[in-house]
Amino acid sequence: MFTTTQLDNGILNNYAVEPEVYFASYPSPEQQKGYALQAAIATLFVAGLMLVTLAVS
């Protein structure tokens, strides 16, 4: 997970292994629908929390 090098004076340096870089692919229509559904559920959840907060206070 780490690459360790040692200098001449004995100091150790740890370097993280860098992951391979790749381009992201655009989400498919099914994934887009899933994201829209998650957004709608999250919006309803937050709106419900706000309503409960207003009702309690």
PDB file of N, CA and C in Angstrom:
ATOM      1  N   MET A   1       0.814  -1.172   0.000  1.00  0.00           N
ATOM      2  CA  MET A   1       0.000   0.000   0.000  1.00  0.00           C
ATOM      3  C   MET A   1       0.876   1.261   0.000  1.00  0.00           C
ATOM      4  N   PHE A   2       2.057   1.154   0.523  1.00  0.00           N
ATOM      5  CA  PHE A   2       2.972   2.284   0.545  1.00  0.00           C
ATOM      6  C   PHE A   2       4.297   1.876  -0.087  1.00  0.00           C
ATOM      7  N   THR A   3       4.948   2.844  -0.692  1.00  0.00           N
ATOM      8  CA  THR A   3       6.299   2.650  -1.189  1.00  0.00           C
ATOM      9  C   THR A   3       7.228   3.366  -0.224  1.00  0.00           C
ATOM     10  N   THR A   4       8.178   2.654   0.346  1.00  0.00           N
ATOM     11  CA  THR A   4       9.085   3.230   1.335  1.00  0.00           C
ATOM     12  C   THR A   4      10.471   3.358   0.738  1.00  0.00           C
ATOM     13  N   THR A   5      11.037   4.548   0.877  1.00  0.00           N
ATOM     14  CA  THR A   5      12.423   4.766   0.459  1.00  0.00           C
ATOM     15  C   THR A   5      13.225   5.186   1.684  1.00  0.00           C
ATOM     16  N   GLN A   6      14.498   4.913   1.655  1.00  0.00           N
ATOM     17  CA  GLN A   6      15.376   5.281   2.766  1.00  0.00           C
ATOM     18  C   GLN A   6      16.490   6.177   2.237  1.00  0.00           C
ATOM     19  N   LEU A   7      16.658   7.335   2.876  1.00  0.00           N
ATOM     20  CA  LEU A   7      17.717   8.256   2.492  1.00  0.00           C
ATOM     21  C   LEU A   7      19.050   7.771   3.053  1.00  0.00           C
ATOM     22  N   ASP A   8      20.118   8.401   2.629  1.00  0.00           N
ATOM     23  CA  ASP A   8      21.457   7.989   3.082  1.00  0.00           C
ATOM     24  C   ASP A   8      21.637   8.162   4.587  1.00  0.00           C
ATOM     25  N   ASN A   9      20.924   9.132   5.200  1.00  0.00           N
ATOM     26  CA  ASN A   9      21.071   9.356   6.640  1.00  0.00           C
ATOM     27  C   ASN A   9      20.094   8.514   7.465  1.00  0.00           C
ATOM     28  N   GLY A  10      19.381   7.582   6.839  1.00  0.00           N
ATOM     29  CA  GLY A  10      18.517   6.669   7.569  1.00  0.00           C
ATOM     30  C   GLY A  10      17.066   7.098   7.672  1.00  0.00           C
ATOM     31  N   ILE A  11      16.709   8.270   7.159  1.00  0.00           N
ATOM     32  CA  ILE A  11      15.324   8.735   7.233  1.00  0.00           C
ATOM     33  C   ILE A  11      14.474   7.947   6.237  1.00  0.00           C
ATOM     34  N   LEU A  12      13.302   7.492   6.712  1.00  0.00           N
ATOM     35  CA  LEU A  12      12.385   6.744   5.863  1.00  0.00           C
ATOM     36  C   LEU A  12      11.312   7.681   5.321  1.00  0.00           C
ATOM     37  N   ASN A  13      10.977   7.541   4.050  1.00  0.00           N
ATOM     38  CA  ASN A  13       9.900   8.284   3.427  1.00  0.00           C
ATOM     39  C   ASN A  13       8.880   7.292   2.901  1.00  0.00           C
ATOM     40  N   ASN A  14       7.601   7.485   3.290  1.00  0.00           N
ATOM     41  CA  ASN A  14       6.513   6.635   2.817  1.00  0.00           C
ATOM     42  C   ASN A  14       5.701   7.400   1.784  1.00  0.00           C
ATOM     43  N   TYR A  15       5.454   6.772   0.656  1.00  0.00           N
ATOM     44  CA  TYR A  15       4.667   7.359  -0.410  1.00  0.00           C
ATOM     45  C   TYR A  15       3.492   6.435  -0.707  1.00  0.00           C
ATOM     46  N   ALA A  16       2.312   7.009  -0.780  1.00  0.00           N
ATOM     47  CA  ALA A  16       1.138   6.205  -1.109  1.00  0.00           C
ATOM     48  C   ALA A  16       1.184   5.809  -2.575  1.00  0.00           C
ATOM     49  N   VAL A  17       0.668   4.619  -2.861  1.00  0.00           N
ATOM     50  CA  VAL A  17       0.573   4.162  -4.238  1.00  0.00           C
ATOM     51  C   VAL A  17      -0.606   4.885  -4.885  1.00  0.00           C
ATOM     52  N   GLU A  18      -0.369   5.565  -6.000  1.00  0.00           N
ATOM     53  CA  GLU A  18      -1.420   6.332  -6.649  1.00  0.00           C
ATOM     54  C   GLU A  18      -2.283   5.416  -7.512  1.00  0.00           C
ATOM     55  N   PRO A  19      -3.614   5.577  -7.425  1.00  0.00           N
ATOM     56  CA  PRO A  19      -4.489   4.723  -8.234  1.00  0.00           C
ATOM     57  C   PRO A  19      -4.434   5.122  -9.712  1.00  0.00           C
ATOM     58  N   GLU A  20      -4.834   4.202 -10.553  1.00  0.00           N
ATOM     59  CA  GLU A  20      -4.867   4.476 -11.979  1.00  0.00           C
ATOM     60  C   GLU A  20      -5.972   5.489 -12.287  1.00  0.00           C
ATOM     61  N   VAL A  21      -5.689   6.457 -13.128  1.00  0.00           N
ATOM     62  CA  VAL A  21      -6.648   7.495 -13.476  1.00  0.00           C
ATOM     63  C   VAL A  21      -7.469   7.036 -14.672  1.00  0.00           C
ATOM     64  N   TYR A  22      -8.797   7.277 -14.600  1.00  0.00           N
ATOM     65  CA  TYR A  22      -9.669   6.914 -15.714  1.00  0.00           C
ATOM     66  C   TYR A  22     -10.772   7.952 -15.828  1.00  0.00           C
ATOM     67  N   PHE A  23     -11.359   8.046 -17.006  1.00  0.00           N
ATOM     68  CA  PHE A  23     -12.456   8.971 -17.243  1.00  0.00           C
ATOM     69  C   PHE A  23     -13.764   8.337 -16.788  1.00  0.00           C
ATOM     70  N   ALA A  24     -14.613   9.144 -16.184  1.00  0.00           N
ATOM     71  CA  ALA A  24     -15.920   8.657 -15.752  1.00  0.00           C
ATOM     72  C   ALA A  24     -16.842   8.556 -16.958  1.00  0.00           C
ATOM     73  N   SER A  25     -17.743   7.598 -16.919  1.00  0.00           N
ATOM     74  CA  SER A  25     -18.718   7.462 -18.002  1.00  0.00           C
ATOM     75  C   SER A  25     -20.020   8.140 -17.590  1.00  0.00           C
ATOM     76  N   TYR A  26     -20.731   8.665 -18.589  1.00  0.00           N
ATOM     77  CA  TYR A  26     -21.997   9.347 -18.322  1.00  0.00           C
ATOM     78  C   TYR A  26     -23.016   8.314 -17.845  1.00  0.00           C
ATOM     79  N   PRO A  27     -23.847   8.657 -16.838  1.00  0.00           N
ATOM     80  CA  PRO A  27     -24.803   7.673 -16.317  1.00  0.00           C
ATOM     81  C   PRO A  27     -25.861   7.293 -17.364  1.00  0.00           C
ATOM     82  N   SER A  28     -26.250   6.040 -17.325  1.00  0.00           N
ATOM     83  CA  SER A  28     -27.271   5.537 -18.249  1.00  0.00           C
ATOM     84  C   SER A  28     -28.633   6.115 -17.859  1.00  0.00           C
ATOM     85  N   PRO A  29     -29.614   6.031 -18.758  1.00  0.00           N
ATOM     86  CA  PRO A  29     -30.960   6.533 -18.412  1.00  0.00           C
ATOM     87  C   PRO A  29     -31.544   5.877 -17.156  1.00  0.00           C
ATOM     88  N   GLU A  30     -31.249   4.586 -16.946  1.00  0.00           N
ATOM     89  CA  GLU A  30     -31.752   3.920 -15.744  1.00  0.00           C
ATOM     90  C   GLU A  30     -31.110   4.507 -14.488  1.00  0.00           C
ATOM     91  N   GLN A  31     -29.804   4.791 -14.562  1.00  0.00           N
ATOM     92  CA  GLN A  31     -29.125   5.405 -13.423  1.00  0.00           C
ATOM     93  C   GLN A  31     -29.653   6.811 -13.173  1.00  0.00           C
ATOM     94  N   GLN A  32     -29.930   7.557 -14.231  1.00  0.00           N
ATOM     95  CA  GLN A  32     -30.462   8.902 -14.081  1.00  0.00           C
ATOM     96  C   GLN A  32     -31.823   8.878 -13.392  1.00  0.00           C
ATOM     97  N   LYS A  33     -32.662   7.901 -13.746  1.00  0.00           N
ATOM     98  CA  LYS A  33     -33.965   7.762 -13.094  1.00  0.00           C
ATOM     99  C   LYS A  33     -33.787   7.423 -11.613  1.00  0.00           C
ATOM    100  N   GLY A  34     -32.805   6.572 -11.327  1.00  0.00           N
ATOM    101  CA  GLY A  34     -32.527   6.225  -9.934  1.00  0.00           C
ATOM    102  C   GLY A  34     -32.067   7.431  -9.131  1.00  0.00           C
ATOM    103  N   TYR A  35     -31.213   8.273  -9.737  1.00  0.00           N
ATOM    104  CA  TYR A  35     -30.752   9.482  -9.061  1.00  0.00           C
ATOM    105  C   TYR A  35     -31.911  10.442  -8.822  1.00  0.00           C
ATOM    106  N   ALA A  36     -32.817  10.563  -9.800  1.00  0.00           N
ATOM    107  CA  ALA A  36     -33.984  11.438  -9.641  1.00  0.00           C
ATOM    108  C   ALA A  36     -34.886  10.926  -8.517  1.00  0.00           C
ATOM    109  N   LEU A  37     -35.058   9.614  -8.429  1.00  0.00           N
ATOM    110  CA  LEU A  37     -35.869   9.031  -7.359  1.00  0.00           C
ATOM    111  C   LEU A  37     -35.226   9.287  -5.994  1.00  0.00           C
ATOM    112  N   GLN A  38     -33.912   9.116  -5.896  1.00  0.00           N
ATOM    113  CA  GLN A  38     -33.214   9.392  -4.639  1.00  0.00           C
ATOM    114  C   GLN A  38     -33.355  10.859  -4.240  1.00  0.00           C
ATOM    115  N   ALA A  39     -33.277  11.752  -5.213  1.00  0.00           N
ATOM    116  CA  ALA A  39     -33.427  13.183  -4.927  1.00  0.00           C
ATOM    117  C   ALA A  39     -34.827  13.489  -4.434  1.00  0.00           C
ATOM    118  N   ALA A  40     -35.840  12.868  -5.037  1.00  0.00           N
ATOM    119  CA  ALA A  40     -37.220  13.097  -4.610  1.00  0.00           C
ATOM    120  C   ALA A  40     -37.437  12.585  -3.190  1.00  0.00           C
ATOM    121  N   ILE A  41     -36.926  11.406  -2.881  1.00  0.00           N
ATOM    122  CA  ILE A  41     -37.079  10.842  -1.536  1.00  0.00           C
ATOM    123  C   ILE A  41     -36.345  11.712  -0.520  1.00  0.00           C
ATOM    124  N   ALA A  42     -35.147  12.160  -0.841  1.00  0.00           N
ATOM    125  CA  ALA A  42     -34.389  13.013   0.078  1.00  0.00           C
ATOM    126  C   ALA A  42     -35.108  14.336   0.307  1.00  0.00           C
ATOM    127  N   THR A  43     -35.695  14.899  -0.743  1.00  0.00           N
ATOM    128  CA  THR A  43     -36.438  16.153  -0.606  1.00  0.00           C
ATOM    129  C   THR A  43     -37.645  15.973   0.298  1.00  0.00           C
ATOM    130  N   LEU A  44     -38.384  14.888   0.110  1.00  0.00           N
ATOM    131  CA  LEU A  44     -39.533  14.613   0.976  1.00  0.00           C
ATOM    132  C   LEU A  44     -39.103  14.384   2.422  1.00  0.00           C
ATOM    133  N   PHE A  45     -37.991  13.697   2.607  1.00  0.00           N
ATOM    134  CA  PHE A  45     -37.493  13.438   3.956  1.00  0.00           C
ATOM    135  C   PHE A  45     -37.131  14.737   4.668  1.00  0.00           C
ATOM    136  N   VAL A  46     -36.399  15.606   3.985  1.00  0.00           N
ATOM    137  CA  VAL A  46     -35.989  16.883   4.587  1.00  0.00           C
ATOM    138  C   VAL A  46     -37.213  17.758   4.839  1.00  0.00           C
ATOM    139  N   ALA A  47     -38.163  17.775   3.904  1.00  0.00           N
ATOM    140  CA  ALA A  47     -39.384  18.554   4.105  1.00  0.00           C
ATOM    141  C   ALA A  47     -40.157  18.016   5.311  1.00  0.00           C
ATOM    142  N   GLY A  48     -40.217  16.706   5.457  1.00  0.00           N
ATOM    143  CA  GLY A  48     -40.886  16.109   6.618  1.00  0.00           C
ATOM    144  C   GLY A  48     -40.201  16.485   7.919  1.00  0.00           C
ATOM    145  N   LEU A  49     -38.873  16.478   7.926  1.00  0.00           N
ATOM    146  CA  LEU A  49     -38.143  16.883   9.129  1.00  0.00           C
ATOM    147  C   LEU A  49     -38.420  18.346   9.480  1.00  0.00           C
ATOM    148  N   MET A  50     -38.486  19.186   8.459  1.00  0.00           N
ATOM    149  CA  MET A  50     -38.781  20.602   8.707  1.00  0.00           C
ATOM    150  C   MET A  50     -40.186  20.774   9.290  1.00  0.00           C
ATOM    151  N   LEU A  51     -41.138  20.015   8.759  1.00  0.00           N
ATOM    152  CA  LEU A  51     -42.505  20.106   9.274  1.00  0.00           C
ATOM    153  C   LEU A  51     -42.594  19.623  10.720  1.00  0.00           C
ATOM    154  N   VAL A  52     -41.911  18.536  11.040  1.00  0.00           N
ATOM    155  CA  VAL A  52     -41.895  18.035  12.410  1.00  0.00           C
ATOM    156  C   VAL A  52     -41.226  19.051  13.328  1.00  0.00           C
ATOM    157  N   THR A  53     -40.160  19.677  12.873  1.00  0.00           N
ATOM    158  CA  THR A  53     -39.470  20.681  13.677  1.00  0.00           C
ATOM    159  C   THR A  53     -40.384  21.863  13.954  1.00  0.00           C
ATOM    160  N   LEU A  54     -41.108  22.302  12.932  1.00  0.00           N
ATOM    161  CA  LEU A  54     -42.039  23.416  13.131  1.00  0.00           C
ATOM    162  C   LEU A  54     -43.189  23.033  14.052  1.00  0.00           C
ATOM    163  N   ALA A  55     -43.672  21.804  13.937  1.00  0.00           N
ATOM    164  CA  ALA A  55     -44.778  21.364  14.779  1.00  0.00           C
ATOM    165  C   ALA A  55     -44.366  21.246  16.238  1.00  0.00           C
ATOM    166  N   VAL A  56     -43.150  20.822  16.499  1.00  0.00           N
ATOM    167  CA  VAL A  56     -42.682  20.626  17.873  1.00  0.00           C
ATOM    168  C   VAL A  56     -42.355  21.945  18.539  1.00  0.00           C
ATOM    169  N   SER A  57     -41.857  22.889  17.776  1.00  0.00           N
ATOM    170  CA  SER A  57     -41.423  24.156  18.405  1.00  0.00           C
ATOM    171  C   SER A  57     -42.569  25.127  18.657  1.00  0.00           C
TER     172      SER A  57
END
